Amino acid sequence: MLKKNNNRNPLKHPEQRVGVFIDVQNMYYSAKNLYNKKVNFGNIVSEAVAGRKLIRAIAYVVRTESKDEQPFFEALYNLGIETREKDLQIFSSGMKKADWDVGLTVDAIRLSPSLDAIVIVSGDGDYIPLVEYLQSTGKQVEVAAFGDTSSAKLIESVDDFIDLGKDKEKFLIGTLNTPPYPQSAPAKRQVERKNVRTNNTTYKKINKNY
């Protein structure tokens, strides 16, 4: 059975202010390797929020040289999910680097004073120090990810874990040969269409109350 995030969970109540931080690369490759499918980020955010007060939903994404991901980025934007975008790094050795671990961590800590619960959408064990720090400040920390590719220690460390693999029809869409558009909108929020570029990183701002 899927562990439901809802108001009946004693850890959660409707007045909680929630921030959702999505490691898109981690989720993309987990869904690809496990199921050869794409991720329904809209439904994931809705599940993570669980009727509480959504303050911020931020997806951390990487642009490749081909820019093929732009329709996907726009789909996130249209769902009301704010995006942090940066270019894929390619080193002279040919090595490629594409991760947002530090950026996600910094944002979660920076925004935590305005949040009661932080939901990390990733199964990466590198987030354990972040989880422990946020908990030490009195925050409730939750994770939504695919259990089969999630760190066991991460699962043990959080206050609540949603195994997305328990309801694949809800949290997965299409296959890898279909457009990577997420479906189903999370809680409605008004979006401000303005990009601010800083050091090759695009910040898409949304109206927020906190």
C-alpha atoms as a PDB file:
ATOM      1  CA  MET A   1       0.000   0.000   0.000  1.00  0.00           C
ATOM      2  CA  LEU A   2       1.160   3.526  -0.779  1.00  0.00           C
ATOM      3  CA  LYS A   3       1.951   5.497   2.321  1.00  0.00           C
ATOM      4  CA  LYS A   4      -0.424   8.394   1.950  1.00  0.00           C
ATOM      5  CA  ASN A   5       0.413  11.941   2.862  1.00  0.00           C
ATOM      6  CA  ASN A   6      -2.878  13.366   4.123  1.00  0.00           C
ATOM      7  CA  ASN A   7      -4.440  15.185   7.003  1.00  0.00           C
ATOM      8  CA  ARG A   8      -4.997  11.948   8.923  1.00  0.00           C
ATOM      9  CA  ASN A   9      -1.272  11.443   9.231  1.00  0.00           C
ATOM     10  CA  PRO A  10      -0.455  12.631  12.769  1.00  0.00           C
ATOM     11  CA  LEU A  11       2.672  14.390  11.492  1.00  0.00           C
ATOM     12  CA  LYS A  12       0.647  16.619   9.205  1.00  0.00           C
ATOM     13  CA  HIS A  13      -2.136  19.162   9.488  1.00  0.00           C
ATOM     14  CA  PRO A  14      -3.784  21.640   7.093  1.00  0.00           C
ATOM     15  CA  GLU A  15      -2.100  24.710   8.560  1.00  0.00           C
ATOM     16  CA  GLN A  16       1.437  23.476   7.916  1.00  0.00           C
ATOM     17  CA  ARG A  17       3.461  25.557   5.462  1.00  0.00           C
ATOM     18  CA  VAL A  18       5.150  23.251   2.983  1.00  0.00           C
ATOM     19  CA  GLY A  19       8.081  23.628   0.620  1.00  0.00           C
ATOM     20  CA  VAL A  20       8.749  21.005  -2.060  1.00  0.00           C
ATOM     21  CA  PHE A  21      12.260  20.703  -3.506  1.00  0.00           C
ATOM     22  CA  ILE A  22      12.568  18.462  -6.577  1.00  0.00           C
ATOM     23  CA  ASP A  23      15.841  16.912  -7.767  1.00  0.00           C
ATOM     24  CA  VAL A  24      14.728  16.396 -11.370  1.00  0.00           C
ATOM     25  CA  GLN A  25      17.861  14.532 -12.511  1.00  0.00           C
ATOM     26  CA  ASN A  26      17.547  11.986  -9.717  1.00  0.00           C
ATOM     27  CA  MET A  27      13.877  11.407 -10.420  1.00  0.00           C
ATOM     28  CA  TYR A  28      14.354  11.234 -14.194  1.00  0.00           C
ATOM     29  CA  TYR A  29      17.037   8.564 -14.048  1.00  0.00           C
ATOM     30  CA  SER A  30      15.240   6.575 -11.351  1.00  0.00           C
ATOM     31  CA  ALA A  31      12.097   6.385 -13.495  1.00  0.00           C
ATOM     32  CA  LYS A  32      14.143   5.662 -16.612  1.00  0.00           C
ATOM     33  CA  ASN A  33      16.206   2.869 -15.094  1.00  0.00           C
ATOM     34  CA  LEU A  34      13.369   1.232 -13.184  1.00  0.00           C
ATOM     35  CA  TYR A  35      10.422   1.610 -15.547  1.00  0.00           C
ATOM     36  CA  ASN A  36      11.570   3.258 -18.803  1.00  0.00           C
ATOM     37  CA  LYS A  37       9.000   5.958 -18.104  1.00  0.00           C
ATOM     38  CA  LYS A  38       8.831   9.639 -17.265  1.00  0.00           C
ATOM     39  CA  VAL A  39       7.793  11.270 -14.034  1.00  0.00           C
ATOM     40  CA  ASN A  40       4.459  12.932 -13.327  1.00  0.00           C
ATOM     41  CA  PHE A  41       5.789  15.835 -11.291  1.00  0.00           C
ATOM     42  CA  GLY A  42       2.392  17.470 -10.943  1.00  0.00           C
ATOM     43  CA  ASN A  43       0.939  14.479  -9.128  1.00  0.00           C
ATOM     44  CA  ILE A  44       4.059  14.156  -6.989  1.00  0.00           C
ATOM     45  CA  VAL A  45       3.747  17.738  -5.782  1.00  0.00           C
ATOM     46  CA  SER A  46       0.051  17.257  -5.032  1.00  0.00           C
ATOM     47  CA  GLU A  47       0.837  14.110  -3.035  1.00  0.00           C
ATOM     48  CA  ALA A  48       3.641  15.829  -1.158  1.00  0.00           C
ATOM     49  CA  VAL A  49       1.526  18.849  -0.249  1.00  0.00           C
ATOM     50  CA  ALA A  50      -1.390  16.669   0.880  1.00  0.00           C
ATOM     51  CA  GLY A  51      -3.875  19.473   1.415  1.00  0.00           C
ATOM     52  CA  ARG A  52      -1.471  21.638   3.373  1.00  0.00           C
ATOM     53  CA  LYS A  53      -0.347  25.181   2.510  1.00  0.00           C
ATOM     54  CA  LEU A  54       2.070  25.097  -0.416  1.00  0.00           C
ATOM     55  CA  ILE A  55       4.553  27.952  -0.106  1.00  0.00           C
ATOM     56  CA  ARG A  56       7.120  26.975  -2.733  1.00  0.00           C
ATOM     57  CA  ALA A  57       7.542  24.098  -5.184  1.00  0.00           C
ATOM     58  CA  ILE A  58      10.933  24.268  -6.893  1.00  0.00           C
ATOM     59  CA  ALA A  59      12.333  21.914  -9.536  1.00  0.00           C
ATOM     60  CA  TYR A  60      16.090  21.858 -10.125  1.00  0.00           C
ATOM     61  CA  VAL A  61      16.817  21.128 -13.779  1.00  0.00           C
ATOM     62  CA  VAL A  62      19.796  20.974 -16.145  1.00  0.00           C
ATOM     63  CA  ARG A  63      19.902  22.232 -19.720  1.00  0.00           C
ATOM     64  CA  THR A  64      21.887  20.255 -22.301  1.00  0.00           C
ATOM     65  CA  GLU A  65      23.501  21.681 -25.424  1.00  0.00           C
ATOM     66  CA  SER A  66      20.589  20.543 -27.602  1.00  0.00           C
ATOM     67  CA  LYS A  67      18.011  22.448 -25.499  1.00  0.00           C
ATOM     68  CA  ASP A  68      15.547  19.599 -26.145  1.00  0.00           C
ATOM     69  CA  GLU A  69      14.296  19.927 -22.579  1.00  0.00           C
ATOM     70  CA  GLN A  70      12.684  23.329 -23.105  1.00  0.00           C
ATOM     71  CA  PRO A  71       9.126  21.971 -23.605  1.00  0.00           C
ATOM     72  CA  PHE A  72       9.546  20.018 -20.371  1.00  0.00           C
ATOM     73  CA  PHE A  73      10.719  23.128 -18.515  1.00  0.00           C
ATOM     74  CA  GLU A  74       7.730  25.049 -19.851  1.00  0.00           C
ATOM     75  CA  ALA A  75       5.400  22.261 -18.726  1.00  0.00           C
ATOM     76  CA  LEU A  76       6.751  22.516 -15.182  1.00  0.00           C
ATOM     77  CA  TYR A  77       6.312  26.272 -15.367  1.00  0.00           C
ATOM     78  CA  ASN A  78       2.706  25.908 -16.510  1.00  0.00           C
ATOM     79  CA  LEU A  79       1.993  23.606 -13.569  1.00  0.00           C
ATOM     80  CA  GLY A  80       3.067  26.372 -11.208  1.00  0.00           C
ATOM     81  CA  ILE A  81       6.325  24.633 -10.324  1.00  0.00           C
ATOM     82  CA  GLU A  82       9.146  27.144 -10.101  1.00  0.00           C
ATOM     83  CA  THR A  83      12.363  26.105 -11.856  1.00  0.00           C
ATOM     84  CA  ARG A  84      16.035  26.614 -11.211  1.00  0.00           C
ATOM     85  CA  GLU A  85      17.922  25.988 -14.445  1.00  0.00           C
ATOM     86  CA  LYS A  86      21.613  25.702 -15.212  1.00  0.00           C
ATOM     87  CA  ASP A  87      23.690  24.443 -18.112  1.00  0.00           C
ATOM     88  CA  LEU A  88      25.260  21.006 -18.301  1.00  0.00           C
ATOM     89  CA  GLN A  89      28.955  21.334 -17.471  1.00  0.00           C
ATOM     90  CA  ILE A  90      31.339  19.661 -19.925  1.00  0.00           C
ATOM     91  CA  PHE A  91      34.995  19.552 -18.899  1.00  0.00           C
ATOM     92  CA  SER A  92      38.037  19.403 -21.203  1.00  0.00           C
ATOM     93  CA  SER A  93      38.456  15.738 -20.267  1.00  0.00           C
ATOM     94  CA  GLY A  94      35.012  15.049 -21.715  1.00  0.00           C
ATOM     95  CA  MET A  95      33.493  14.467 -18.289  1.00  0.00           C
ATOM     96  CA  LYS A  96      30.003  15.866 -17.814  1.00  0.00           C
ATOM     97  CA  LYS A  97      28.518  17.129 -14.583  1.00  0.00           C
ATOM     98  CA  ALA A  98      24.858  17.810 -13.950  1.00  0.00           C
ATOM     99  CA  ASP A  99      23.689  18.064 -10.380  1.00  0.00           C
ATOM    100  CA  TRP A 100      21.908  20.535  -8.159  1.00  0.00           C
ATOM    101  CA  ASP A 101      22.663  19.030  -4.737  1.00  0.00           C
ATOM    102  CA  VAL A 102      24.281  22.169  -3.361  1.00  0.00           C
ATOM    103  CA  GLY A 103      21.707  24.527  -4.864  1.00  0.00           C
ATOM    104  CA  LEU A 104      18.774  22.534  -3.510  1.00  0.00           C
ATOM    105  CA  THR A 105      20.405  22.356  -0.084  1.00  0.00           C
ATOM    106  CA  VAL A 106      21.065  26.096   0.045  1.00  0.00           C
ATOM    107  CA  ASP A 107      17.493  26.931  -0.985  1.00  0.00           C
ATOM    108  CA  ALA A 108      15.968  24.528   1.540  1.00  0.00           C
ATOM    109  CA  ILE A 109      17.996  26.059   4.367  1.00  0.00           C
ATOM    110  CA  ARG A 110      17.381  29.619   3.179  1.00  0.00           C
ATOM    111  CA  LEU A 111      13.613  29.135   2.939  1.00  0.00           C
ATOM    112  CA  SER A 112      13.225  26.936   6.025  1.00  0.00           C
ATOM    113  CA  PRO A 113      12.333  29.796   8.417  1.00  0.00           C
ATOM    114  CA  SER A 114       9.145  30.282   6.375  1.00  0.00           C
ATOM    115  CA  LEU A 115       8.269  26.566   6.327  1.00  0.00           C
ATOM    116  CA  ASP A 116       6.981  23.994   8.789  1.00  0.00           C
ATOM    117  CA  ALA A 117       7.622  20.979   6.566  1.00  0.00           C
ATOM    118  CA  ILE A 118      10.223  20.431   3.855  1.00  0.00           C
ATOM    119  CA  VAL A 119       9.642  17.731   1.233  1.00  0.00           C
ATOM    120  CA  ILE A 120      12.685  16.573  -0.742  1.00  0.00           C
ATOM    121  CA  VAL A 121      11.765  14.781  -3.958  1.00  0.00           C
ATOM    122  CA  SER A 122      14.854  12.609  -4.363  1.00  0.00           C
ATOM    123  CA  GLY A 123      16.229   9.335  -3.064  1.00  0.00           C
ATOM    124  CA  ASP A 124      19.830  10.571  -2.989  1.00  0.00           C
ATOM    125  CA  GLY A 125      21.638   9.801   0.259  1.00  0.00           C
ATOM    126  CA  ASP A 126      23.704  12.957  -0.170  1.00  0.00           C
ATOM    127  CA  TYR A 127      20.755  14.843   1.303  1.00  0.00           C
ATOM    128  CA  ILE A 128      21.055  13.134   4.705  1.00  0.00           C
ATOM    129  CA  PRO A 129      23.130  15.983   6.231  1.00  0.00           C
ATOM    130  CA  LEU A 130      20.482  18.445   5.019  1.00  0.00           C
ATOM    131  CA  VAL A 131      17.735  16.334   6.579  1.00  0.00           C
ATOM    132  CA  GLU A 132      19.566  16.159   9.893  1.00  0.00           C
ATOM    133  CA  TYR A 133      20.261  19.890   9.938  1.00  0.00           C
ATOM    134  CA  LEU A 134      16.662  20.844   9.180  1.00  0.00           C
ATOM    135  CA  GLN A 135      15.381  18.449  11.830  1.00  0.00           C
ATOM    136  CA  SER A 136      17.781  19.985  14.359  1.00  0.00           C
ATOM    137  CA  THR A 137      16.060  23.335  13.761  1.00  0.00           C
ATOM    138  CA  GLY A 138      12.649  21.826  14.473  1.00  0.00           C
ATOM    139  CA  LYS A 139      11.507  21.301  10.898  1.00  0.00           C
ATOM    140  CA  GLN A 140       9.580  18.277   9.706  1.00  0.00           C
ATOM    141  CA  VAL A 141      11.420  16.668   6.794  1.00  0.00           C
ATOM    142  CA  GLU A 142       9.786  14.299   4.324  1.00  0.00           C
ATOM    143  CA  VAL A 143      10.988  12.522   1.188  1.00  0.00           C
ATOM    144  CA  ALA A 144       9.090  11.381  -1.903  1.00  0.00           C
ATOM    145  CA  ALA A 145      11.037   9.057  -4.203  1.00  0.00           C
ATOM    146  CA  PHE A 146      11.129   5.610  -5.766  1.00  0.00           C
ATOM    147  CA  GLY A 147      11.959   3.202  -2.976  1.00  0.00           C
ATOM    148  CA  ASP A 148      13.985   0.825  -5.146  1.00  0.00           C
ATOM    149  CA  THR A 149      16.535   3.540  -5.960  1.00  0.00           C
ATOM    150  CA  SER A 150      16.451   5.418  -2.662  1.00  0.00           C
ATOM    151  CA  SER A 151      19.106   5.401   0.035  1.00  0.00           C
ATOM    152  CA  ALA A 152      17.995   3.206   2.938  1.00  0.00           C
ATOM    153  CA  LYS A 153      19.660   5.599   5.378  1.00  0.00           C
ATOM    154  CA  LEU A 154      17.817   8.536   3.857  1.00  0.00           C
ATOM    155  CA  ILE A 155      14.507   6.712   4.256  1.00  0.00           C
ATOM    156  CA  GLU A 156      15.313   5.958   7.892  1.00  0.00           C
ATOM    157  CA  SER A 157      16.332   9.527   8.663  1.00  0.00           C
ATOM    158  CA  VAL A 158      13.204  11.383   7.474  1.00  0.00           C
ATOM    159  CA  ASP A 159       9.933  11.932   9.301  1.00  0.00           C
ATOM    160  CA  ASP A 160       7.880  10.482   6.448  1.00  0.00           C
ATOM    161  CA  PHE A 161       8.684   8.641   3.213  1.00  0.00           C
ATOM    162  CA  ILE A 162       6.390   8.281   0.199  1.00  0.00           C
ATOM    163  CA  ASP A 163       7.429   5.380  -2.033  1.00  0.00           C
ATOM    164  CA  LEU A 164       6.308   6.552  -5.463  1.00  0.00           C
ATOM    165  CA  GLY A 165       6.930   3.088  -6.882  1.00  0.00           C
ATOM    166  CA  LYS A 166       3.905   1.793  -4.973  1.00  0.00           C
ATOM    167  CA  ASP A 167       1.553   3.700  -7.277  1.00  0.00           C
ATOM    168  CA  LYS A 168       3.264   3.763 -10.667  1.00  0.00           C
ATOM    169  CA  GLU A 169       0.102   4.683 -12.577  1.00  0.00           C
ATOM    170  CA  LYS A 170      -0.210   7.859 -10.555  1.00  0.00           C
ATOM    171  CA  PHE A 171       3.401   9.014 -10.550  1.00  0.00           C
ATOM    172  CA  LEU A 172       4.666   7.866 -13.962  1.00  0.00           C
ATOM    173  CA  ILE A 173       3.620   8.875 -17.472  1.00  0.00           C
ATOM    174  CA  GLY A 174       4.317   7.685 -21.002  1.00  0.00           C
ATOM    175  CA  THR A 175       7.597   6.130 -22.050  1.00  0.00           C
ATOM    176  CA  LEU A 176      10.955   7.596 -22.985  1.00  0.00           C
ATOM    177  CA  ASN A 177       9.930   7.968 -26.630  1.00  0.00           C
ATOM    178  CA  THR A 178       7.087  10.338 -25.745  1.00  0.00           C
ATOM    179  CA  PRO A 179       7.289  14.054 -24.882  1.00  0.00           C
ATOM    180  CA  PRO A 180       8.451  14.490 -21.274  1.00  0.00           C
ATOM    181  CA  TYR A 181       5.549  16.637 -20.212  1.00  0.00           C
ATOM    182  CA  PRO A 182       4.409  16.298 -16.595  1.00  0.00           C
ATOM    183  CA  GLN A 183       0.669  16.097 -16.096  1.00  0.00           C
ATOM    184  CA  SER A 184      -1.851  17.066 -13.431  1.00  0.00           C
ATOM    185  CA  ALA A 185      -1.432  20.358 -11.636  1.00  0.00           C
ATOM    186  CA  PRO A 186      -0.503  20.807  -7.989  1.00  0.00           C
ATOM    187  CA  ALA A 187      -2.096  23.488  -5.842  1.00  0.00           C
ATOM    188  CA  LYS A 188      -2.822  26.556  -7.952  1.00  0.00           C
ATOM    189  CA  ARG A 189      -0.495  29.489  -7.622  1.00  0.00           C
ATOM    190  CA  GLN A 190      -0.125  32.595  -9.733  1.00  0.00           C
ATOM    191  CA  VAL A 191       3.030  32.673 -11.861  1.00  0.00           C
ATOM    192  CA  GLU A 192       4.959  35.779 -12.760  1.00  0.00           C
ATOM    193  CA  ARG A 193       6.469  35.441 -16.242  1.00  0.00           C
ATOM    194  CA  LYS A 194       9.852  36.898 -15.632  1.00  0.00           C
ATOM    195  CA  ASN A 195      13.301  35.335 -15.905  1.00  0.00           C
ATOM    196  CA  VAL A 196      16.339  36.612 -14.063  1.00  0.00           C
ATOM    197  CA  ARG A 197      19.657  35.233 -15.282  1.00  0.00           C
ATOM    198  CA  THR A 198      22.595  35.043 -12.912  1.00  0.00           C
ATOM    199  CA  ASN A 199      25.730  33.045 -13.692  1.00  0.00           C
ATOM    200  CA  ASN A 200      24.003  30.947 -16.365  1.00  0.00           C
ATOM    201  CA  THR A 201      21.270  30.016 -13.921  1.00  0.00           C
ATOM    202  CA  THR A 202      17.665  30.977 -14.668  1.00  0.00           C
ATOM    203  CA  TYR A 203      15.356  31.750 -11.777  1.00  0.00           C
ATOM    204  CA  LYS A 204      11.657  31.777 -12.620  1.00  0.00           C
ATOM    205  CA  LYS A 205       9.829  33.714  -9.957  1.00  0.00           C
ATOM    206  CA  ILE A 206       6.341  33.068  -8.671  1.00  0.00           C
ATOM    207  CA  ASN A 207       4.114  35.033  -6.363  1.00  0.00           C
ATOM    208  CA  LYS A 208       4.365  33.653  -2.845  1.00  0.00           C
ATOM    209  CA  ASN A 209       3.074  34.393   0.608  1.00  0.00           C
ATOM    210  CA  TYR A 210       5.473  33.929   3.515  1.00  0.00           C
END
